[in-house]
Amino acid sequence: MSFIEAIKRYQESGDTDAIKMIREAMNYDYLHSPTGLTFDKPEMYVAFRCLRLLRGRLATIKYTLSEHGLHSRRDSPEYIFGEFAAAIKGWTGIELTVENFQEHEKYLASYLPTFVDLRHAYERIIGARPTIWHMLTNEIIEENWPELEAALKYALERVDANRSEREIVRYINRATRTAYLRTQFEGMRRVRRDGQSRYVEPKYYGPIYAIFGSASIDIGRLSGRQRQLIHRISEIIKKDYEEGRIEAYAVDIKGGYRIINRHIAEKLGMHEASLSRAIGRISVKL
């Protein structure tokens, strides 16, 4: 069954073969693809884009481990096999290769006390045993699969399966990305600073932080009237937070909730400009 046929079956009956095909294609070693980014199955383009959605997490593996999932080239199965082959040639005269390994396997198993390491290297080279890279990649995929699967279902339900294969893949990739990122940024706020923007997770650091952008503020140096104003603002902030009225607050680059003077002024029965001036004078003192 083709990927396009599987999509139509999903839309008609909820059959999940299309999703299974994408998940299976995510096991392919795209890093060492002999055809680059040209694939013979459309689901591989979708799988590749799904992996790119996880690129931040996968990059953690890439930069802390080698492409084989270990710490250096010397830990790669090819290097380990080559070291064994060089030693075996010196000891026995046998020119061991991946191609003739099985021919000499029985003898080497009885000859080498560390044969199991040689065999594991051989199995990883031929793909019979997963590399640590592959195992960790799959672990990250599984951790994020519920969100990815939900995003794929969103896309598969909406794609026009009568379009061309290219158009179908393009739509699925775009819709999957949109749905997946929506779940990742759910509950987060977008903050713009210096012409750039980033998403941050809102955090409540207390009323003093919400007013001044720092929790380590000593209001003891303020006048009685100023302390009273800060106390009144703090009570409003605490009540808003307890009752979930967080939409009325901004968020700074650290994710901390910050007051919006207009909202606080309305609660206090003051003009926004008057409150802004009062807070400004207090900030200068602190």
Protein backbone atom coordinates (compact mmCIF):
# COMPACT_ATOMS: atom_id res chain seq x y z
CA MET A 1 0.00 0.00 0.00
CA SER A 2 1.34 3.42 -0.94
CA PHE A 3 1.54 6.35 1.45
CA ILE A 4 -1.15 8.25 -0.47
CA GLU A 5 -3.49 5.25 -0.28
CA ALA A 6 -2.80 5.01 3.44
CA ILE A 7 -3.75 8.68 3.86
CA LYS A 8 -7.08 8.09 2.09
CA ARG A 9 -7.76 5.09 4.34
CA TYR A 10 -7.03 7.22 7.39
CA GLN A 11 -9.50 9.86 6.23
CA GLU A 12 -12.14 7.26 5.39
CA SER A 13 -11.87 4.90 8.37
CA GLY A 14 -9.27 6.18 10.80
CA ASP A 15 -6.80 3.45 9.80
CA THR A 16 -3.38 4.47 11.18
CA ASP A 17 -1.10 2.80 8.62
CA ALA A 18 -0.06 6.23 7.29
CA ILE A 19 1.14 7.28 10.74
CA LYS A 20 2.93 3.96 11.22
CA MET A 21 4.69 4.46 7.87
CA ILE A 22 5.93 7.89 8.97
CA ARG A 23 7.08 6.57 12.34
CA GLU A 24 8.98 3.72 10.67
CA ALA A 25 10.60 6.15 8.23
CA MET A 26 11.90 8.17 11.19
CA ASN A 27 14.25 5.26 11.92
CA TYR A 28 16.13 5.87 8.67
CA ASP A 29 19.67 7.23 9.01
CA TYR A 30 19.17 10.53 7.20
CA LEU A 31 22.57 11.72 8.40
CA HIS A 32 24.26 9.17 6.13
CA SER A 33 21.69 9.01 3.34
CA PRO A 34 23.50 7.96 0.13
CA THR A 35 21.00 9.95 -1.94
CA GLY A 36 21.17 13.14 0.12
CA LEU A 37 17.69 14.57 0.59
CA THR A 38 16.18 12.73 -2.35
CA PHE A 39 14.00 9.82 -1.22
CA ASP A 40 11.99 7.19 -3.05
CA LYS A 41 9.03 7.23 -0.63
CA PRO A 42 6.92 10.33 0.15
CA GLU A 43 6.56 9.40 3.83
CA MET A 44 10.33 9.79 4.19
CA TYR A 45 10.03 13.52 3.42
CA VAL A 46 7.41 13.79 6.16
CA ALA A 47 9.54 11.76 8.59
CA PHE A 48 12.57 13.93 7.86
CA ARG A 49 10.57 17.08 8.63
CA CYS A 50 9.31 15.53 11.86
CA LEU A 51 12.92 14.88 12.88
CA ARG A 52 13.74 18.50 12.07
CA LEU A 53 11.02 19.58 14.49
CA LEU A 54 13.06 17.78 17.16
CA ARG A 55 16.37 19.16 15.91
CA GLY A 56 17.10 21.07 19.14
CA ARG A 57 16.86 17.91 21.21
CA LEU A 58 18.67 15.78 18.63
CA ALA A 59 21.43 18.39 18.39
CA THR A 60 22.12 17.77 22.07
CA ILE A 61 23.13 14.25 21.10
CA LYS A 62 25.07 15.48 18.10
CA TYR A 63 27.24 17.85 20.11
CA THR A 64 27.73 15.70 23.21
CA LEU A 65 28.35 12.47 21.34
CA SER A 66 29.86 11.48 18.01
CA GLU A 67 27.68 10.46 15.08
CA HIS A 68 28.01 6.87 16.35
CA GLY A 69 26.63 7.87 19.73
CA LEU A 70 29.98 7.72 21.49
CA HIS A 71 32.57 10.27 22.56
CA SER A 72 35.09 10.16 19.71
CA ARG A 73 35.94 8.58 16.39
CA ARG A 74 37.94 5.94 18.26
CA ASP A 75 34.71 4.69 19.82
CA SER A 76 33.01 4.16 16.44
CA PRO A 77 32.30 0.53 15.42
CA GLU A 78 34.40 0.99 12.27
CA TYR A 79 37.41 2.11 14.29
CA ILE A 80 37.02 -0.70 16.84
CA PHE A 81 36.68 -3.31 14.08
CA GLY A 82 39.73 -1.89 12.30
CA GLU A 83 41.82 -2.06 15.49
CA PHE A 84 40.84 -5.69 16.00
CA ALA A 85 41.54 -6.51 12.34
CA ALA A 86 45.05 -5.01 12.53
CA ALA A 87 45.85 -6.96 15.71
CA ILE A 88 44.43 -10.21 14.33
CA LYS A 89 46.51 -9.88 11.16
CA GLY A 90 49.66 -9.47 13.28
CA TRP A 91 48.79 -12.42 15.49
CA THR A 92 47.35 -14.89 12.96
CA GLY A 93 47.97 -13.53 9.47
CA ILE A 94 44.20 -13.41 8.83
CA GLU A 95 43.14 -10.30 6.90
CA LEU A 96 39.80 -9.75 8.57
CA THR A 97 37.16 -7.62 6.84
CA VAL A 98 33.47 -6.99 7.37
CA GLU A 99 32.81 -9.09 4.28
CA ASN A 100 34.70 -12.18 5.48
CA PHE A 101 33.91 -11.89 9.19
CA GLN A 102 31.47 -14.81 9.26
CA GLU A 103 34.06 -17.02 7.54
CA HIS A 104 36.47 -16.57 10.47
CA GLU A 105 33.90 -16.03 13.23
CA LYS A 106 34.06 -19.51 14.81
CA TYR A 107 37.85 -19.53 15.03
CA LEU A 108 38.04 -15.98 16.38
CA ALA A 109 35.41 -16.74 19.02
CA SER A 110 37.68 -19.43 20.46
CA TYR A 111 40.88 -17.42 19.96
CA LEU A 112 39.93 -13.96 21.29
CA PRO A 113 38.91 -13.43 24.93
CA THR A 114 37.39 -10.08 23.86
CA PHE A 115 35.58 -11.51 20.83
CA VAL A 116 32.24 -10.17 22.05
CA ASP A 117 33.47 -6.59 21.52
CA LEU A 118 34.54 -7.43 17.96
CA ARG A 119 31.21 -9.05 17.24
CA HIS A 120 29.27 -6.08 18.60
CA ALA A 121 31.30 -3.73 16.39
CA TYR A 122 30.59 -5.95 13.36
CA GLU A 123 26.85 -6.08 14.15
CA ARG A 124 26.67 -2.30 14.47
CA ILE A 125 28.45 -1.82 11.14
CA ILE A 126 26.01 -4.08 9.29
CA GLY A 127 23.02 -2.63 11.13
CA ALA A 128 22.14 -5.77 13.05
CA ARG A 129 22.70 -4.00 16.36
CA PRO A 130 21.59 -0.38 16.91
CA THR A 131 24.24 2.21 17.68
CA ILE A 132 23.95 4.25 20.86
CA TRP A 133 23.16 7.22 18.57
CA HIS A 134 20.20 5.32 17.16
CA MET A 135 18.96 4.24 20.57
CA LEU A 136 19.13 7.77 21.98
CA THR A 137 17.47 9.21 18.88
CA ASN A 138 14.61 6.75 19.28
CA GLU A 139 14.36 7.61 22.96
CA ILE A 140 13.90 11.30 22.11
CA ILE A 141 11.36 10.47 19.39
CA GLU A 142 9.35 8.33 21.82
CA GLU A 143 9.40 11.09 24.45
CA ASN A 144 7.91 13.55 21.94
CA TRP A 145 5.83 11.10 19.91
CA PRO A 146 2.43 11.89 21.51
CA GLU A 147 2.69 15.54 20.44
CA LEU A 148 4.10 14.63 17.01
CA GLU A 149 1.41 12.01 16.43
CA ALA A 150 -1.33 14.47 17.36
CA ALA A 151 0.14 17.03 14.95
CA LEU A 152 0.35 14.42 12.17
CA LYS A 153 -3.27 13.44 12.72
CA TYR A 154 -4.25 17.10 12.48
CA ALA A 155 -2.47 17.33 9.11
CA LEU A 156 -3.68 14.00 7.72
CA GLU A 157 -7.30 14.82 8.53
CA ARG A 158 -7.11 18.07 6.54
CA VAL A 159 -4.91 17.31 3.55
CA ASP A 160 -6.55 16.96 0.14
CA ALA A 161 -5.48 13.43 -0.81
CA ASN A 162 -6.46 14.03 -4.45
CA ARG A 163 -3.68 16.56 -4.94
CA SER A 164 -0.29 15.66 -6.38
CA GLU A 165 2.14 13.73 -4.19
CA ARG A 166 4.38 16.79 -3.91
CA GLU A 167 1.50 19.03 -2.84
CA ILE A 168 0.29 16.47 -0.30
CA VAL A 169 3.72 16.15 1.31
CA ARG A 170 4.18 19.92 1.37
CA TYR A 171 0.81 20.46 3.05
CA ILE A 172 1.37 17.71 5.64
CA ASN A 173 4.77 19.12 6.54
CA ARG A 174 3.45 22.65 6.93
CA ALA A 175 0.32 21.65 8.88
CA THR A 176 2.27 19.25 11.13
CA ARG A 177 4.78 21.96 11.98
CA THR A 178 2.05 24.45 12.80
CA ALA A 179 0.15 22.01 15.02
CA TYR A 180 3.28 20.74 16.78
CA LEU A 181 4.67 24.20 17.55
CA ARG A 182 1.27 25.29 18.82
CA THR A 183 1.45 22.59 21.51
CA GLN A 184 5.06 23.48 22.34
CA PHE A 185 4.25 27.15 22.89
CA GLU A 186 0.92 26.62 24.59
CA GLY A 187 0.88 28.67 27.76
CA MET A 188 4.00 30.59 26.74
CA ARG A 189 4.34 34.30 25.97
CA ARG A 190 6.15 35.96 23.10
CA VAL A 191 8.55 38.69 24.23
CA ARG A 192 10.21 41.21 21.90
CA ARG A 193 13.53 42.82 22.81
CA ASP A 194 16.01 44.69 20.61
CA GLY A 195 14.18 43.81 17.41
CA GLN A 196 14.11 40.10 18.22
CA SER A 197 11.46 37.90 19.79
CA ARG A 198 11.49 34.76 21.87
CA TYR A 199 8.99 32.59 23.71
CA VAL A 200 9.27 32.40 27.48
CA GLU A 201 7.39 30.47 30.14
CA PRO A 202 5.63 32.97 32.43
CA LYS A 203 6.68 32.82 36.09
CA TYR A 204 5.38 34.58 39.18
CA TYR A 205 8.27 36.00 41.20
CA GLY A 206 6.06 37.95 43.60
CA PRO A 207 4.48 41.41 43.64
CA ILE A 208 7.71 43.40 44.16
CA TYR A 209 9.24 41.82 41.05
CA ALA A 210 6.06 42.51 39.12
CA ILE A 211 6.36 46.20 39.98
CA PHE A 212 10.12 46.80 39.68
CA GLY A 213 11.57 43.84 37.74
CA SER A 214 13.61 42.69 40.73
CA ALA A 215 12.65 40.81 43.88
CA SER A 216 15.57 42.19 45.94
CA ILE A 217 14.11 45.62 46.58
CA ASP A 218 14.20 47.27 50.02
CA ILE A 219 11.16 49.50 50.33
CA GLY A 220 12.18 50.53 53.85
CA ARG A 221 13.83 53.65 52.45
CA LEU A 222 10.55 54.92 51.02
CA SER A 223 8.23 57.41 52.63
CA GLY A 224 5.15 56.16 54.45
CA ARG A 225 2.91 57.31 51.61
CA GLN A 226 5.06 55.54 49.01
CA ARG A 227 5.15 52.33 51.04
CA GLN A 228 1.39 52.46 51.31
CA LEU A 229 1.08 52.75 47.53
CA ILE A 230 3.40 49.76 47.00
CA HIS A 231 1.38 47.79 49.55
CA ARG A 232 -1.89 48.55 47.75
CA ILE A 233 -0.39 47.58 44.36
CA SER A 234 1.03 44.38 45.87
CA GLU A 235 -2.37 43.36 47.23
CA ILE A 236 -3.90 43.83 43.76
CA ILE A 237 -1.16 41.74 42.15
CA LYS A 238 -1.50 38.92 44.70
CA LYS A 239 -5.27 38.82 44.29
CA ASP A 240 -5.03 38.84 40.48
CA TYR A 241 -2.53 35.98 40.56
CA GLU A 242 -4.58 33.91 43.01
CA GLU A 243 -7.69 34.37 40.87
CA GLY A 244 -5.90 33.67 37.59
CA ARG A 245 -6.16 37.14 36.03
CA ILE A 246 -2.71 36.90 34.47
CA GLU A 247 -3.73 38.20 31.04
CA ALA A 248 -3.69 41.71 32.51
CA TYR A 249 0.09 41.48 33.05
CA ALA A 250 3.05 41.68 30.72
CA VAL A 251 6.00 39.26 30.78
CA ASP A 252 9.65 40.28 30.68
CA ILE A 253 12.57 38.53 29.00
CA LYS A 254 13.10 36.36 32.10
CA GLY A 255 9.49 35.22 31.98
CA GLY A 256 8.54 37.21 35.08
CA TYR A 257 5.10 38.79 35.25
CA ARG A 258 5.20 42.61 35.17
CA ILE A 259 2.43 45.06 35.88
CA ILE A 260 0.70 47.06 33.17
CA ASN A 261 0.18 50.50 34.70
CA ARG A 262 -3.18 51.03 33.03
CA HIS A 263 -4.63 47.90 34.67
CA ILE A 264 -3.25 48.77 38.13
CA ALA A 265 -4.37 52.41 37.82
CA GLU A 266 -7.93 51.28 37.07
CA LYS A 267 -7.91 49.06 40.15
CA LEU A 268 -6.60 51.93 42.29
CA GLY A 269 -8.96 54.50 40.82
CA MET A 270 -6.03 56.62 39.60
CA HIS A 271 -5.01 58.11 36.27
CA GLU A 272 -2.43 55.96 34.50
CA ALA A 273 -0.08 58.93 34.09
CA SER A 274 -0.21 59.70 37.82
CA LEU A 275 0.61 56.09 38.73
CA SER A 276 3.46 55.98 36.20
CA ARG A 277 5.00 59.14 37.68
CA ALA A 278 4.65 57.82 41.23
CA ILE A 279 6.32 54.50 40.39
CA GLY A 280 9.01 56.37 38.47
CA ARG A 281 9.86 58.52 41.49
CA ILE A 282 9.95 55.45 43.73
CA SER A 283 12.25 53.60 41.31
CA VAL A 284 14.72 56.49 41.38
CA LYS A 285 14.86 56.26 45.17
CA LEU A 286 15.52 52.51 45.08
